Amino acid sequence: MRSRPPAGSPTHAFPFSSEVTSFEPCAVGTVPRSVGTPTAEFRRVRDEMTKMLKADGVPPTGKWSDLGYLEPVRDYKPRHTSTLLVFDAVAEALDKLEVSA
C-alpha cells in the first residue's frame, strides 16, 4: 500500500489521460505543474479560474499566468464546466487524500 503524504503537503504526482474538446487541452496541459505545488496554492488557482470564467475575475498570475489564455472561454458558458473539470477533480482528490490521511 502506498503511503499518503501529510495533509496540506505539495502534490507529488499527477497521472492523467484526457479526451476533450479544443478548449480543455489548455487547462489539462497546465495542471501537471501542480506536482510540487502546495495544496492551498492549487485550490487558490482553482478558485481564481472559477472566478475568471464565471464572475469576470482576473486570470491567475505567476507560474499559472498562461491560464489567462483560457479567458475567451468565459464567453462560452457551456464550456465552463469542462474547462474547470480538471481543477475540480484534482481538488477533490486532494480533499480525499487529506480525509484519509
Protein backbone atom coordinates (compact mmCIF):
# COMPACT_ATOMS: atom_id res chain seq x y z
CA MET A 1 0.00 0.00 0.00
CA ARG A 2 1.28 3.47 -0.85
CA SER A 3 1.91 5.84 1.97
CA ARG A 4 -0.09 9.05 1.87
CA PRO A 5 1.50 12.48 2.13
CA PRO A 6 0.55 14.56 5.17
CA ALA A 7 -2.42 16.88 4.81
CA GLY A 8 -1.50 20.15 3.12
CA SER A 9 1.72 18.82 1.62
CA PRO A 10 2.59 19.51 -2.04
CA THR A 11 1.15 17.33 -4.78
CA HIS A 12 3.61 14.55 -5.62
CA ALA A 13 2.21 13.14 -8.87
CA PHE A 14 -0.45 13.84 -11.44
CA PRO A 15 -1.19 10.99 -13.88
CA PHE A 16 -3.97 11.72 -16.36
CA SER A 17 -5.49 10.80 -19.67
CA SER A 18 -7.81 13.13 -21.47
CA GLU A 19 -10.22 13.20 -24.39
CA VAL A 20 -11.66 16.71 -24.56
CA THR A 21 -12.67 19.48 -26.92
CA SER A 22 -10.30 22.15 -28.22
CA PHE A 23 -10.61 24.45 -25.18
CA GLU A 24 -9.82 21.96 -22.46
CA PRO A 25 -6.33 20.76 -23.52
CA CYS A 26 -5.01 24.15 -22.40
CA ALA A 27 -6.31 23.57 -18.87
CA VAL A 28 -5.33 19.91 -18.77
CA GLY A 29 -1.87 20.70 -20.14
CA THR A 30 -1.12 23.21 -17.42
CA VAL A 31 -2.20 21.13 -14.45
CA PRO A 32 0.81 18.75 -14.34
CA ARG A 33 2.70 21.69 -12.89
CA SER A 34 0.60 21.01 -9.80
CA VAL A 35 3.28 18.46 -8.90
CA GLY A 36 5.20 20.10 -6.09
CA THR A 37 2.57 22.81 -5.64
CA PRO A 38 1.20 23.25 -2.12
CA THR A 39 -2.42 22.18 -1.93
CA ALA A 40 -3.57 25.61 -0.74
CA GLU A 41 -1.99 27.23 -3.80
CA PHE A 42 -3.68 24.76 -6.13
CA ARG A 43 -7.05 25.40 -4.52
CA ARG A 44 -6.46 29.16 -4.87
CA VAL A 45 -5.75 28.73 -8.59
CA ARG A 46 -8.90 26.62 -8.97
CA ASP A 47 -10.91 29.38 -7.28
CA GLU A 48 -9.29 32.05 -9.47
CA MET A 49 -10.14 30.05 -12.61
CA THR A 50 -13.74 29.70 -11.48
CA LYS A 51 -13.98 33.44 -10.85
CA MET A 52 -12.25 34.22 -14.15
CA LEU A 53 -14.79 32.22 -16.13
CA LYS A 54 -17.97 32.74 -14.14
CA ALA A 55 -17.58 36.12 -12.43
CA ASP A 56 -15.36 38.19 -14.75
CA GLY A 57 -12.39 37.69 -12.43
CA VAL A 58 -8.78 38.17 -13.43
CA PRO A 59 -6.64 35.23 -14.61
CA PRO A 60 -4.22 33.55 -12.21
CA THR A 61 -0.73 35.03 -12.03
CA GLY A 62 2.81 33.77 -11.60
CA LYS A 63 3.58 30.27 -12.84
CA TRP A 64 -0.13 29.89 -13.60
CA SER A 65 -0.40 33.04 -15.77
CA ASP A 66 -0.74 31.09 -19.02
CA LEU A 67 -4.17 30.01 -17.82
CA GLY A 68 -5.16 33.50 -18.93
CA TYR A 69 -5.23 32.07 -22.46
CA LEU A 70 -8.45 30.39 -21.39
CA GLU A 71 -10.11 33.73 -20.71
CA PRO A 72 -12.06 33.61 -24.02
CA VAL A 73 -13.87 30.52 -22.67
CA ARG A 74 -15.75 32.99 -20.45
CA ASP A 75 -17.96 33.77 -23.46
CA TYR A 76 -18.82 30.06 -23.96
CA LYS A 77 -20.75 29.13 -20.82
CA PRO A 78 -21.33 25.53 -21.96
CA ARG A 79 -17.54 25.07 -21.79
CA HIS A 80 -17.08 26.37 -18.23
CA THR A 81 -17.76 23.02 -16.56
CA SER A 82 -15.48 21.03 -18.85
CA THR A 83 -12.68 23.60 -18.58
CA LEU A 84 -12.89 23.63 -14.78
CA LEU A 85 -13.30 19.85 -14.51
CA VAL A 86 -9.59 19.13 -14.23
CA PHE A 87 -9.15 21.70 -11.45
CA ASP A 88 -12.18 20.39 -9.57
CA ALA A 89 -11.03 16.77 -9.99
CA VAL A 90 -7.56 17.46 -8.60
CA ALA A 91 -9.00 19.48 -5.69
CA GLU A 92 -11.43 16.65 -4.92
CA ALA A 93 -8.60 14.10 -5.00
CA LEU A 94 -6.59 16.29 -2.60
CA ASP A 95 -9.62 16.51 -0.29
CA LYS A 96 -9.97 12.73 -0.26
CA LEU A 97 -6.28 12.27 0.46
CA GLU A 98 -6.43 14.68 3.37
CA VAL A 99 -9.51 13.00 4.85
CA SER A 100 -7.97 9.54 4.64
CA ALA A 101 -4.56 10.62 5.96
